PDB file of all heavy atoms in Angstrom:
ATOM      1  N   VAL A   1     -14.292 -45.193  21.293  1.00  0.00           N
ATOM      2  CA  VAL A   1     -15.604 -45.278  20.590  1.00  0.00           C
ATOM      3  C   VAL A   1     -15.244 -44.841  19.165  1.00  0.00           C
ATOM      4  O   VAL A   1     -14.644 -43.850  18.945  1.00  0.00           O
ATOM      5  CB  VAL A   1     -16.609 -44.442  21.258  1.00  0.00           C
ATOM      6  CG1 VAL A   1     -17.862 -44.416  20.420  1.00  0.00           C
ATOM      7  CG2 VAL A   1     -16.956 -44.940  22.679  1.00  0.00           C
ATOM      8  N   LEU A   2     -15.761 -45.624  18.190  1.00  0.00           N
ATOM      9  CA  LEU A   2     -15.620 -45.297  16.790  1.00  0.00           C
ATOM     10  C   LEU A   2     -16.981 -45.245  16.177  1.00  0.00           C
ATOM     11  O   LEU A   2     -17.886 -45.941  16.532  1.00  0.00           O
ATOM     12  CB  LEU A   2     -14.794 -46.361  16.092  1.00  0.00           C
ATOM     13  CG  LEU A   2     -13.301 -46.332  16.444  1.00  0.00           C
ATOM     14  CD1 LEU A   2     -12.953 -47.458  17.423  1.00  0.00           C
ATOM     15  CD2 LEU A   2     -12.478 -46.467  15.214  1.00  0.00           C
ATOM     16  N   LYS A   3     -17.024 -44.329  15.143  1.00  0.00           N
ATOM     17  CA  LYS A   3     -18.264 -44.165  14.420  1.00  0.00           C
ATOM     18  C   LYS A   3     -17.907 -44.508  12.945  1.00  0.00           C
ATOM     19  O   LYS A   3     -17.053 -43.860  12.374  1.00  0.00           O
ATOM     20  CB  LYS A   3     -18.752 -42.700  14.559  1.00  0.00           C
ATOM     21  CG  LYS A   3     -20.180 -42.535  14.037  1.00  0.00           C
ATOM     22  CD  LYS A   3     -20.687 -41.161  14.461  1.00  0.00           C
ATOM     23  CE  LYS A   3     -22.183 -41.049  14.293  1.00  0.00           C
ATOM     24  NZ  LYS A   3     -22.718 -39.848  14.759  1.00  0.00           N
ATOM     25  N   PHE A   4     -18.594 -45.438  12.413  1.00  0.00           N
ATOM     26  CA  PHE A   4     -18.301 -45.929  11.029  1.00  0.00           C
ATOM     27  C   PHE A   4     -19.428 -45.514  10.131  1.00  0.00           C
ATOM     28  O   PHE A   4     -20.571 -45.781  10.384  1.00  0.00           O
ATOM     29  CB  PHE A   4     -18.206 -47.496  11.045  1.00  0.00           C
ATOM     30  CG  PHE A   4     -18.016 -48.085   9.758  1.00  0.00           C
ATOM     31  CD1 PHE A   4     -16.802 -48.277   9.216  1.00  0.00           C
ATOM     32  CD2 PHE A   4     -19.143 -48.557   9.058  1.00  0.00           C
ATOM     33  CE1 PHE A   4     -16.625 -48.874   7.986  1.00  0.00           C
ATOM     34  CE2 PHE A   4     -18.970 -49.179   7.800  1.00  0.00           C
ATOM     35  CZ  PHE A   4     -17.682 -49.310   7.268  1.00  0.00           C
ATOM     36  N   TYR A   5     -19.161 -44.683   9.113  1.00  0.00           N
ATOM     37  CA  TYR A   5     -20.128 -44.340   8.121  1.00  0.00           C
ATOM     38  C   TYR A   5     -19.922 -45.188   6.861  1.00  0.00           C
ATOM     39  O   TYR A   5     -18.867 -45.185   6.301  1.00  0.00           O
ATOM     40  CB  TYR A   5     -19.906 -42.870   7.667  1.00  0.00           C
ATOM     41  CG  TYR A   5     -20.145 -41.860   8.795  1.00  0.00           C
ATOM     42  CD1 TYR A   5     -19.108 -41.468   9.608  1.00  0.00           C
ATOM     43  CD2 TYR A   5     -21.412 -41.260   9.002  1.00  0.00           C
ATOM     44  CE1 TYR A   5     -19.285 -40.553  10.604  1.00  0.00           C
ATOM     45  CE2 TYR A   5     -21.616 -40.369   9.985  1.00  0.00           C
ATOM     46  CZ  TYR A   5     -20.563 -40.012  10.802  1.00  0.00           C
ATOM     47  OH  TYR A   5     -20.777 -39.064  11.799  1.00  0.00           O
ATOM     48  N   SER A   6     -20.882 -45.889   6.452  1.00  0.00           N
ATOM     49  CA  SER A   6     -20.860 -46.662   5.240  1.00  0.00           C
ATOM     50  C   SER A   6     -21.418 -45.781   4.120  1.00  0.00           C
ATOM     51  O   SER A   6     -22.580 -45.520   4.077  1.00  0.00           O
ATOM     52  CB  SER A   6     -21.616 -47.969   5.378  1.00  0.00           C
ATOM     53  OG  SER A   6     -21.621 -48.613   4.109  1.00  0.00           O
ATOM     54  N   LEU A   7     -20.602 -45.435   3.192  1.00  0.00           N
ATOM     55  CA  LEU A   7     -21.021 -44.596   2.026  1.00  0.00           C
ATOM     56  C   LEU A   7     -21.374 -45.414   0.840  1.00  0.00           C
ATOM     57  O   LEU A   7     -21.601 -44.872  -0.226  1.00  0.00           O
ATOM     58  CB  LEU A   7     -19.948 -43.618   1.727  1.00  0.00           C
ATOM     59  CG  LEU A   7     -19.479 -42.648   2.830  1.00  0.00           C
ATOM     60  CD1 LEU A   7     -18.443 -41.700   2.404  1.00  0.00           C
ATOM     61  CD2 LEU A   7     -20.673 -41.865   3.356  1.00  0.00           C
ATOM     62  N   GLN A   8     -21.482 -46.707   1.014  1.00  0.00           N
ATOM     63  CA  GLN A   8     -21.684 -47.618  -0.194  1.00  0.00           C
ATOM     64  C   GLN A   8     -23.085 -47.376  -0.800  1.00  0.00           C
ATOM     65  O   GLN A   8     -23.344 -47.746  -1.986  1.00  0.00           O
ATOM     66  CB  GLN A   8     -21.420 -49.018   0.205  1.00  0.00           C
ATOM     67  CG  GLN A   8     -22.430 -49.586   1.145  1.00  0.00           C
ATOM     68  CD  GLN A   8     -22.143 -51.063   1.454  1.00  0.00           C
ATOM     69  OE1 GLN A   8     -21.434 -51.698   0.740  1.00  0.00           O
ATOM     70  NE2 GLN A   8     -22.755 -51.545   2.582  1.00  0.00           N
ATOM     71  N   HIS A   9     -24.077 -46.851  -0.081  1.00  0.00           N
ATOM     72  CA  HIS A   9     -25.440 -46.697  -0.542  1.00  0.00           C
ATOM     73  C   HIS A   9     -25.646 -45.319  -1.174  1.00  0.00           C
ATOM     74  O   HIS A   9     -26.717 -45.028  -1.592  1.00  0.00           O
ATOM     75  CB  HIS A   9     -26.448 -46.966   0.512  1.00  0.00           C
ATOM     76  CG  HIS A   9     -26.326 -48.396   1.066  1.00  0.00           C
ATOM     77  ND1 HIS A   9     -26.920 -49.447   0.367  1.00  0.00           N
ATOM     78  CD2 HIS A   9     -25.787 -48.902   2.135  1.00  0.00           C
ATOM     79  CE1 HIS A   9     -26.683 -50.579   1.043  1.00  0.00           C
ATOM     80  NE2 HIS A   9     -25.955 -50.230   2.092  1.00  0.00           N
ATOM     81  N   ILE A  10     -24.563 -44.582  -1.250  1.00  0.00           N
ATOM     82  CA  ILE A  10     -24.668 -43.189  -1.804  1.00  0.00           C
ATOM     83  C   ILE A  10     -24.406 -43.344  -3.329  1.00  0.00           C
ATOM     84  O   ILE A  10     -23.456 -44.160  -3.727  1.00  0.00           O
ATOM     85  CB  ILE A  10     -23.619 -42.288  -1.225  1.00  0.00           C
ATOM     86  CG1 ILE A  10     -24.052 -42.091   0.337  1.00  0.00           C
ATOM     87  CG2 ILE A  10     -23.572 -40.911  -1.909  1.00  0.00           C
ATOM     88  CD1 ILE A  10     -23.005 -41.370   1.087  1.00  0.00           C
ATOM     89  N   PRO A  11     -25.053 -42.600  -4.152  1.00  0.00           N
ATOM     90  CA  PRO A  11     -24.790 -42.670  -5.554  1.00  0.00           C
ATOM     91  C   PRO A  11     -23.308 -42.403  -5.823  1.00  0.00           C
ATOM     92  O   PRO A  11     -22.667 -41.507  -5.212  1.00  0.00           O
ATOM     93  CB  PRO A  11     -25.611 -41.551  -6.161  1.00  0.00           C
ATOM     94  CG  PRO A  11     -26.699 -41.292  -5.157  1.00  0.00           C
ATOM     95  CD  PRO A  11     -26.144 -41.640  -3.873  1.00  0.00           C
ATOM     96  N   PRO A  12     -22.683 -43.261  -6.708  1.00  0.00           N
ATOM     97  CA  PRO A  12     -21.213 -43.085  -6.860  1.00  0.00           C
ATOM     98  C   PRO A  12     -20.695 -41.724  -7.199  1.00  0.00           C
ATOM     99  O   PRO A  12     -19.626 -41.332  -6.803  1.00  0.00           O
ATOM    100  CB  PRO A  12     -21.039 -44.042  -8.139  1.00  0.00           C
ATOM    101  CG  PRO A  12     -22.158 -44.995  -8.090  1.00  0.00           C
ATOM    102  CD  PRO A  12     -23.280 -44.208  -7.517  1.00  0.00           C
ATOM    103  N   ASP A  13     -21.499 -40.895  -7.909  1.00  0.00           N
ATOM    104  CA  ASP A  13     -21.019 -39.545  -8.150  1.00  0.00           C
ATOM    105  C   ASP A  13     -21.031 -38.562  -6.991  1.00  0.00           C
ATOM    106  O   ASP A  13     -20.506 -37.544  -7.074  1.00  0.00           O
ATOM    107  CB  ASP A  13     -21.862 -38.949  -9.297  1.00  0.00           C
ATOM    108  CG  ASP A  13     -23.347 -38.854  -8.933  1.00  0.00           C
ATOM    109  OD1 ASP A  13     -23.870 -39.686  -8.181  1.00  0.00           O
ATOM    110  OD2 ASP A  13     -23.982 -37.831  -9.352  1.00  0.00           O
ATOM    111  N   ARG A  14     -21.540 -39.118  -5.886  1.00  0.00           N
ATOM    112  CA  ARG A  14     -21.578 -38.269  -4.650  1.00  0.00           C
ATOM    113  C   ARG A  14     -20.635 -38.758  -3.516  1.00  0.00           C
ATOM    114  O   ARG A  14     -20.459 -38.078  -2.514  1.00  0.00           O
ATOM    115  CB  ARG A  14     -23.003 -38.174  -4.086  1.00  0.00           C
ATOM    116  CG  ARG A  14     -23.907 -37.366  -5.007  1.00  0.00           C
ATOM    117  CD  ARG A  14     -25.291 -36.957  -4.423  1.00  0.00           C
ATOM    118  NE  ARG A  14     -25.069 -36.529  -3.051  1.00  0.00           N
ATOM    119  CZ  ARG A  14     -25.931 -36.901  -2.066  1.00  0.00           C
ATOM    120  NH1 ARG A  14     -26.987 -37.767  -2.348  1.00  0.00           N
ATOM    121  NH2 ARG A  14     -25.771 -36.471  -0.875  1.00  0.00           N
ATOM    122  N   VAL A  15     -20.014 -39.900  -3.721  1.00  0.00           N
ATOM    123  CA  VAL A  15     -19.131 -40.483  -2.663  1.00  0.00           C
ATOM    124  C   VAL A  15     -17.989 -39.555  -2.359  1.00  0.00           C
ATOM    125  O   VAL A  15     -17.690 -39.232  -1.163  1.00  0.00           O
ATOM    126  CB  VAL A  15     -18.653 -41.838  -3.044  1.00  0.00           C
ATOM    127  CG1 VAL A  15     -17.558 -42.345  -2.090  1.00  0.00           C
ATOM    128  CG2 VAL A  15     -19.825 -42.831  -3.087  1.00  0.00           C
ATOM    129  N   GLU A  16     -17.317 -39.015  -3.357  1.00  0.00           N
ATOM    130  CA  GLU A  16     -16.182 -38.099  -3.087  1.00  0.00           C
ATOM    131  C   GLU A  16     -16.557 -36.874  -2.331  1.00  0.00           C
ATOM    132  O   GLU A  16     -15.953 -36.514  -1.369  1.00  0.00           O
ATOM    133  CB  GLU A  16     -15.557 -37.758  -4.410  1.00  0.00           C
ATOM    134  CG  GLU A  16     -14.239 -37.009  -4.233  1.00  0.00           C
ATOM    135  CD  GLU A  16     -13.558 -36.768  -5.605  1.00  0.00           C
ATOM    136  OE1 GLU A  16     -13.621 -37.688  -6.497  1.00  0.00           O
ATOM    137  OE2 GLU A  16     -12.978 -35.696  -5.712  1.00  0.00           O
ATOM    138  N   GLN A  17     -17.766 -36.324  -2.730  1.00  0.00           N
ATOM    139  CA  GLN A  17     -18.308 -35.153  -1.982  1.00  0.00           C
ATOM    140  C   GLN A  17     -18.610 -35.432  -0.558  1.00  0.00           C
ATOM    141  O   GLN A  17     -18.289 -34.651   0.369  1.00  0.00           O
ATOM    142  CB  GLN A  17     -19.497 -34.626  -2.743  1.00  0.00           C
ATOM    143  CG  GLN A  17     -20.232 -33.466  -2.077  1.00  0.00           C
ATOM    144  CD  GLN A  17     -21.513 -33.129  -2.758  1.00  0.00           C
ATOM    145  OE1 GLN A  17     -21.871 -33.660  -3.831  1.00  0.00           O
ATOM    146  NE2 GLN A  17     -22.285 -32.266  -2.168  1.00  0.00           N
ATOM    147  N   GLU A  18     -19.282 -36.603  -0.306  1.00  0.00           N
ATOM    148  CA  GLU A  18     -19.643 -36.976   1.050  1.00  0.00           C
ATOM    149  C   GLU A  18     -18.379 -37.240   1.905  1.00  0.00           C
ATOM    150  O   GLU A  18     -18.286 -36.891   3.085  1.00  0.00           O
ATOM    151  CB  GLU A  18     -20.494 -38.198   1.075  1.00  0.00           C
ATOM    152  CG  GLU A  18     -21.909 -37.988   0.608  1.00  0.00           C
ATOM    153  CD  GLU A  18     -22.722 -37.051   1.535  1.00  0.00           C
ATOM    154  OE1 GLU A  18     -22.475 -37.152   2.781  1.00  0.00           O
ATOM    155  OE2 GLU A  18     -23.559 -36.352   1.044  1.00  0.00           O
ATOM    156  N   THR A  19     -17.342 -37.907   1.318  1.00  0.00           N
ATOM    157  CA  THR A  19     -16.105 -38.172   1.992  1.00  0.00           C
ATOM    158  C   THR A  19     -15.453 -36.846   2.445  1.00  0.00           C
ATOM    159  O   THR A  19     -15.014 -36.692   3.572  1.00  0.00           O
ATOM    160  CB  THR A  19     -15.177 -39.008   1.135  1.00  0.00           C
ATOM    161  OG1 THR A  19     -15.784 -40.223   0.843  1.00  0.00           O
ATOM    162  CG2 THR A  19     -13.851 -39.262   1.892  1.00  0.00           C
ATOM    163  N   ALA A  20     -15.350 -35.895   1.492  1.00  0.00           N
ATOM    164  CA  ALA A  20     -14.831 -34.586   1.797  1.00  0.00           C
ATOM    165  C   ALA A  20     -15.552 -33.858   2.870  1.00  0.00           C
ATOM    166  O   ALA A  20     -14.955 -33.234   3.784  1.00  0.00           O
ATOM    167  CB  ALA A  20     -14.763 -33.726   0.515  1.00  0.00           C
ATOM    168  N   SER A  21     -16.905 -33.966   2.844  1.00  0.00           N
ATOM    169  CA  SER A  21     -17.740 -33.370   3.866  1.00  0.00           C
ATOM    170  C   SER A  21     -17.481 -33.935   5.262  1.00  0.00           C
ATOM    171  O   SER A  21     -17.441 -33.224   6.229  1.00  0.00           O
ATOM    172  CB  SER A  21     -19.256 -33.515   3.440  1.00  0.00           C
ATOM    173  OG  SER A  21     -20.064 -32.960   4.428  1.00  0.00           O
ATOM    174  N   LEU A  22     -17.343 -35.287   5.327  1.00  0.00           N
ATOM    175  CA  LEU A  22     -17.076 -35.936   6.612  1.00  0.00           C
ATOM    176  C   LEU A  22     -15.729 -35.471   7.126  1.00  0.00           C
ATOM    177  O   LEU A  22     -15.562 -35.256   8.339  1.00  0.00           O
ATOM    178  CB  LEU A  22     -17.110 -37.459   6.446  1.00  0.00           C
ATOM    179  CG  LEU A  22     -18.514 -38.110   6.331  1.00  0.00           C
ATOM    180  CD1 LEU A  22     -18.375 -39.534   5.989  1.00  0.00           C
ATOM    181  CD2 LEU A  22     -19.249 -37.968   7.669  1.00  0.00           C
ATOM    182  N   LEU A  23     -14.685 -35.381   6.252  1.00  0.00           N
ATOM    183  CA  LEU A  23     -13.397 -34.907   6.700  1.00  0.00           C
ATOM    184  C   LEU A  23     -13.394 -33.463   7.144  1.00  0.00           C
ATOM    185  O   LEU A  23     -12.724 -33.103   8.102  1.00  0.00           O
ATOM    186  CB  LEU A  23     -12.373 -35.170   5.551  1.00  0.00           C
ATOM    187  CG  LEU A  23     -12.043 -36.611   5.365  1.00  0.00           C
ATOM    188  CD1 LEU A  23     -11.117 -36.732   4.131  1.00  0.00           C
ATOM    189  CD2 LEU A  23     -11.434 -37.271   6.557  1.00  0.00           C
ATOM    190  N   ASP A  24     -14.171 -32.654   6.488  1.00  0.00           N
ATOM    191  CA  ASP A  24     -14.351 -31.245   6.918  1.00  0.00           C
ATOM    192  C   ASP A  24     -15.014 -31.152   8.353  1.00  0.00           C
ATOM    193  O   ASP A  24     -14.530 -30.391   9.148  1.00  0.00           O
ATOM    194  CB  ASP A  24     -15.175 -30.408   5.911  1.00  0.00           C
ATOM    195  CG  ASP A  24     -14.426 -30.082   4.629  1.00  0.00           C
ATOM    196  OD1 ASP A  24     -13.215 -30.184   4.678  1.00  0.00           O
ATOM    197  OD2 ASP A  24     -15.101 -29.743   3.634  1.00  0.00           O
ATOM    198  N   GLU A  25     -15.938 -31.954   8.533  1.00  0.00           N
ATOM    199  CA  GLU A  25     -16.615 -32.053   9.813  1.00  0.00           C
ATOM    200  C   GLU A  25     -15.597 -32.436  10.913  1.00  0.00           C
ATOM    201  O   GLU A  25     -15.583 -31.843  11.976  1.00  0.00           O
ATOM    202  CB  GLU A  25     -17.772 -32.992   9.794  1.00  0.00           C
ATOM    203  CG  GLU A  25     -18.548 -33.078  11.091  1.00  0.00           C
ATOM    204  CD  GLU A  25     -19.751 -33.999  10.979  1.00  0.00           C
ATOM    205  OE1 GLU A  25     -20.436 -34.070   9.943  1.00  0.00           O
ATOM    206  OE2 GLU A  25     -19.964 -34.782  11.961  1.00  0.00           O
ATOM    207  N   PHE A  26     -14.821 -33.473  10.588  1.00  0.00           N
ATOM    208  CA  PHE A  26     -13.769 -33.917  11.489  1.00  0.00           C
ATOM    209  C   PHE A  26     -12.802 -32.859  11.866  1.00  0.00           C
ATOM    210  O   PHE A  26     -12.468 -32.551  13.063  1.00  0.00           O
ATOM    211  CB  PHE A  26     -13.031 -35.115  10.870  1.00  0.00           C
ATOM    212  CG  PHE A  26     -11.814 -35.546  11.616  1.00  0.00           C
ATOM    213  CD1 PHE A  26     -11.854 -36.248  12.844  1.00  0.00           C
ATOM    214  CD2 PHE A  26     -10.525 -35.230  11.119  1.00  0.00           C
ATOM    215  CE1 PHE A  26     -10.718 -36.581  13.497  1.00  0.00           C
ATOM    216  CE2 PHE A  26      -9.386 -35.623  11.762  1.00  0.00           C
ATOM    217  CZ  PHE A  26      -9.461 -36.233  12.935  1.00  0.00           C
ATOM    218  N   ARG A  27     -12.302 -32.111  10.824  1.00  0.00           N
ATOM    219  CA  ARG A  27     -11.323 -30.985  11.055  1.00  0.00           C
ATOM    220  C   ARG A  27     -12.016 -29.873  11.903  1.00  0.00           C
ATOM    221  O   ARG A  27     -11.323 -29.301  12.722  1.00  0.00           O
ATOM    222  CB  ARG A  27     -10.868 -30.445   9.744  1.00  0.00           C
ATOM    223  CG  ARG A  27      -9.997 -31.427   8.982  1.00  0.00           C
ATOM    224  CD  ARG A  27      -9.485 -30.744   7.703  1.00  0.00           C
ATOM    225  NE  ARG A  27      -8.818 -31.851   6.815  1.00  0.00           N
ATOM    226  CZ  ARG A  27      -9.436 -32.342   5.827  1.00  0.00           C
ATOM    227  NH1 ARG A  27     -10.593 -31.971   5.374  1.00  0.00           N
ATOM    228  NH2 ARG A  27      -8.821 -33.294   5.122  1.00  0.00           N
ATOM    229  N   THR A  28     -13.233 -29.597  11.691  1.00  0.00           N
ATOM    230  CA  THR A  28     -13.902 -28.519  12.379  1.00  0.00           C
ATOM    231  C   THR A  28     -14.031 -28.921  13.830  1.00  0.00           C
ATOM    232  O   THR A  28     -13.691 -28.139  14.741  1.00  0.00           O
ATOM    233  CB  THR A  28     -15.323 -28.238  11.815  1.00  0.00           C
ATOM    234  OG1 THR A  28     -15.137 -27.838  10.507  1.00  0.00           O
ATOM    235  CG2 THR A  28     -16.054 -27.169  12.602  1.00  0.00           C
ATOM    236  N   ILE A  29     -14.412 -30.118  14.169  1.00  0.00           N
ATOM    237  CA  ILE A  29     -14.580 -30.600  15.566  1.00  0.00           C
ATOM    238  C   ILE A  29     -13.210 -30.578  16.233  1.00  0.00           C
ATOM    239  O   ILE A  29     -13.078 -30.238  17.445  1.00  0.00           O
ATOM    240  CB  ILE A  29     -15.215 -32.000  15.598  1.00  0.00           C
ATOM    241  CG1 ILE A  29     -16.706 -31.836  15.183  1.00  0.00           C
ATOM    242  CG2 ILE A  29     -15.163 -32.594  17.012  1.00  0.00           C
ATOM    243  CD1 ILE A  29     -17.421 -33.165  14.972  1.00  0.00           C
ATOM    244  N   LYS A  30     -12.208 -30.989  15.488  1.00  0.00           N
ATOM    245  CA  LYS A  30     -10.787 -30.986  16.112  1.00  0.00           C
ATOM    246  C   LYS A  30     -10.346 -29.549  16.483  1.00  0.00           C
ATOM    247  O   LYS A  30      -9.519 -29.442  17.432  1.00  0.00           O
ATOM    248  CB  LYS A  30      -9.786 -31.595  15.140  1.00  0.00           C
ATOM    249  CG  LYS A  30      -9.961 -33.080  15.083  1.00  0.00           C
ATOM    250  CD  LYS A  30      -8.777 -33.911  14.794  1.00  0.00           C
ATOM    251  CE  LYS A  30      -7.509 -33.628  15.523  1.00  0.00           C
ATOM    252  NZ  LYS A  30      -7.000 -34.573  16.319  1.00  0.00           N
ATOM    253  N   LEU A  31     -10.862 -28.528  15.878  1.00  0.00           N
ATOM    254  CA  LEU A  31     -10.494 -27.216  16.197  1.00  0.00           C
ATOM    255  C   LEU A  31     -10.877 -26.799  17.633  1.00  0.00           C
ATOM    256  O   LEU A  31     -10.286 -25.925  18.204  1.00  0.00           O
ATOM    257  CB  LEU A  31     -11.123 -26.167  15.254  1.00  0.00           C
ATOM    258  CG  LEU A  31     -10.680 -26.188  13.856  1.00  0.00           C
ATOM    259  CD1 LEU A  31     -11.509 -25.261  12.936  1.00  0.00           C
ATOM    260  CD2 LEU A  31      -9.187 -25.781  13.716  1.00  0.00           C
ATOM    261  N   PHE A  32     -11.896 -27.499  18.196  1.00  0.00           N
ATOM    262  CA  PHE A  32     -12.321 -27.209  19.558  1.00  0.00           C
ATOM    263  C   PHE A  32     -11.331 -27.793  20.575  1.00  0.00           C
ATOM    264  O   PHE A  32     -11.465 -27.512  21.794  1.00  0.00           O
ATOM    265  CB  PHE A  32     -13.730 -27.740  19.773  1.00  0.00           C
ATOM    266  CG  PHE A  32     -14.747 -27.032  19.009  1.00  0.00           C
ATOM    267  CD1 PHE A  32     -15.288 -27.500  17.828  1.00  0.00           C
ATOM    268  CD2 PHE A  32     -15.222 -25.805  19.547  1.00  0.00           C
ATOM    269  CE1 PHE A  32     -16.204 -26.824  17.138  1.00  0.00           C
ATOM    270  CE2 PHE A  32     -16.207 -25.083  18.782  1.00  0.00           C
ATOM    271  CZ  PHE A  32     -16.694 -25.595  17.575  1.00  0.00           C
ATOM    272  N   GLY A  33     -10.431 -28.610  20.185  1.00  0.00           N
ATOM    273  CA  GLY A  33      -9.381 -29.139  21.091  1.00  0.00           C
ATOM    274  C   GLY A  33     -10.015 -29.980  22.206  1.00  0.00           C
ATOM    275  O   GLY A  33     -10.810 -30.883  21.982  1.00  0.00           O
ATOM    276  N   SER A  34      -9.637 -29.630  23.426  1.00  0.00           N
ATOM    277  CA  SER A  34     -10.002 -30.418  24.614  1.00  0.00           C
ATOM    278  C   SER A  34     -11.158 -29.787  25.346  1.00  0.00           C
ATOM    279  O   SER A  34     -11.242 -29.906  26.590  1.00  0.00           O
ATOM    280  CB  SER A  34      -8.854 -30.619  25.474  1.00  0.00           C
ATOM    281  OG  SER A  34      -8.333 -29.373  25.902  1.00  0.00           O
ATOM    282  N   ASP A  35     -12.040 -29.096  24.740  1.00  0.00           N
ATOM    283  CA  ASP A  35     -13.242 -28.537  25.350  1.00  0.00           C
ATOM    284  C   ASP A  35     -13.994 -29.659  26.034  1.00  0.00           C
ATOM    285  O   ASP A  35     -14.356 -30.609  25.378  1.00  0.00           O
ATOM    286  CB  ASP A  35     -14.139 -27.780  24.248  1.00  0.00           C
ATOM    287  CG  ASP A  35     -15.221 -27.062  24.946  1.00  0.00           C
ATOM    288  OD1 ASP A  35     -15.986 -27.667  25.753  1.00  0.00           O
ATOM    289  OD2 ASP A  35     -15.417 -25.874  24.599  1.00  0.00           O
ATOM    290  N   PRO A  36     -14.293 -29.538  27.308  1.00  0.00           N
ATOM    291  CA  PRO A  36     -14.941 -30.639  28.068  1.00  0.00           C
ATOM    292  C   PRO A  36     -16.421 -30.859  27.583  1.00  0.00           C
ATOM    293  O   PRO A  36     -16.970 -31.896  27.889  1.00  0.00           O
ATOM    294  CB  PRO A  36     -14.899 -30.204  29.498  1.00  0.00           C
ATOM    295  CG  PRO A  36     -14.707 -28.744  29.445  1.00  0.00           C
ATOM    296  CD  PRO A  36     -13.902 -28.440  28.206  1.00  0.00           C
ATOM    297  N   GLN A  37     -17.015 -29.935  26.843  1.00  0.00           N
ATOM    298  CA  GLN A  37     -18.377 -30.084  26.424  1.00  0.00           C
ATOM    299  C   GLN A  37     -18.475 -30.809  24.985  1.00  0.00           C
ATOM    300  O   GLN A  37     -19.593 -31.020  24.549  1.00  0.00           O
ATOM    301  CB  GLN A  37     -18.997 -28.723  26.313  1.00  0.00           C
ATOM    302  CG  GLN A  37     -19.052 -27.921  27.568  1.00  0.00           C
ATOM    303  CD  GLN A  37     -19.843 -28.628  28.674  1.00  0.00           C
ATOM    304  OE1 GLN A  37     -20.913 -29.188  28.414  1.00  0.00           O
ATOM    305  NE2 GLN A  37     -19.275 -28.678  29.855  1.00  0.00           N
ATOM    306  N   ILE A  38     -17.338 -31.097  24.439  1.00  0.00           N
ATOM    307  CA  ILE A  38     -17.349 -31.717  23.057  1.00  0.00           C
ATOM    308  C   ILE A  38     -16.552 -33.023  23.133  1.00  0.00           C
ATOM    309  O   ILE A  38     -15.488 -33.093  23.662  1.00  0.00           O
ATOM    310  CB  ILE A  38     -16.750 -30.700  22.060  1.00  0.00           C
ATOM    311  CG1 ILE A  38     -17.595 -29.434  21.999  1.00  0.00           C
ATOM    312  CG2 ILE A  38     -16.599 -31.353  20.714  1.00  0.00           C
ATOM    313  CD1 ILE A  38     -17.020 -28.393  21.122  1.00  0.00           C
ATOM    314  N   VAL A  39     -17.115 -34.032  22.483  1.00  0.00           N
ATOM    315  CA  VAL A  39     -16.476 -35.325  22.372  1.00  0.00           C
ATOM    316  C   VAL A  39     -15.132 -35.078  21.618  1.00  0.00           C
ATOM    317  O   VAL A  39     -15.153 -34.497  20.510  1.00  0.00           O
ATOM    318  CB  VAL A  39     -17.322 -36.373  21.650  1.00  0.00           C
ATOM    319  CG1 VAL A  39     -16.571 -37.607  21.452  1.00  0.00           C
ATOM    320  CG2 VAL A  39     -18.567 -36.612  22.472  1.00  0.00           C
ATOM    321  N   ARG A  40     -14.070 -35.625  22.144  1.00  0.00           N
ATOM    322  CA  ARG A  40     -12.776 -35.369  21.493  1.00  0.00           C
ATOM    323  C   ARG A  40     -12.592 -36.371  20.339  1.00  0.00           C
ATOM    324  O   ARG A  40     -12.882 -37.525  20.521  1.00  0.00           O
ATOM    325  CB  ARG A  40     -11.669 -35.604  22.538  1.00  0.00           C
ATOM    326  CG  ARG A  40     -10.305 -35.356  21.995  1.00  0.00           C
ATOM    327  CD  ARG A  40      -9.534 -34.427  22.885  1.00  0.00           C
ATOM    328  NE  ARG A  40      -8.319 -34.109  22.285  1.00  0.00           N
ATOM    329  CZ  ARG A  40      -7.113 -34.155  22.810  1.00  0.00           C
ATOM    330  NH1 ARG A  40      -7.000 -34.637  24.011  1.00  0.00           N
ATOM    331  NH2 ARG A  40      -6.086 -33.809  22.169  1.00  0.00           N
ATOM    332  N   MET A  41     -12.144 -35.904  19.232  1.00  0.00           N
ATOM    333  CA  MET A  41     -11.866 -36.746  18.063  1.00  0.00           C
ATOM    334  C   MET A  41     -10.363 -36.861  17.892  1.00  0.00           C
ATOM    335  O   MET A  41      -9.688 -35.821  17.941  1.00  0.00           O
ATOM    336  CB  MET A  41     -12.558 -36.157  16.844  1.00  0.00           C
ATOM    337  CG  MET A  41     -14.045 -36.080  17.029  1.00  0.00           C
ATOM    338  SD  MET A  41     -14.857 -35.549  15.491  1.00  0.00           S
ATOM    339  CE  MET A  41     -14.610 -36.851  14.325  1.00  0.00           C
ATOM    340  N   TYR A  42      -9.908 -38.070  17.649  1.00  0.00           N
ATOM    341  CA  TYR A  42      -8.469 -38.276  17.544  1.00  0.00           C
ATOM    342  C   TYR A  42      -8.019 -38.534  16.094  1.00  0.00           C
ATOM    343  O   TYR A  42      -6.925 -38.176  15.693  1.00  0.00           O
ATOM    344  CB  TYR A  42      -8.068 -39.487  18.413  1.00  0.00           C
ATOM    345  CG  TYR A  42      -8.188 -39.210  19.888  1.00  0.00           C
ATOM    346  CD1 TYR A  42      -9.300 -39.507  20.554  1.00  0.00           C
ATOM    347  CD2 TYR A  42      -7.197 -38.499  20.563  1.00  0.00           C
ATOM    348  CE1 TYR A  42      -9.392 -39.201  21.965  1.00  0.00           C
ATOM    349  CE2 TYR A  42      -7.232 -38.185  21.880  1.00  0.00           C
ATOM    350  CZ  TYR A  42      -8.420 -38.539  22.577  1.00  0.00           C
ATOM    351  OH  TYR A  42      -8.500 -38.221  23.914  1.00  0.00           O
TER     352      TYR A  42
END
């Protein structure tokens, strides 16, 4: 299962910030590892 975020409708000056925010969220979720209560992100 993949989740695709289209950032094209975000003001250009905020795209870099939103991209960094999404990557931070990804890294945080990965810290939980293989917890059965959390969807695993690869």
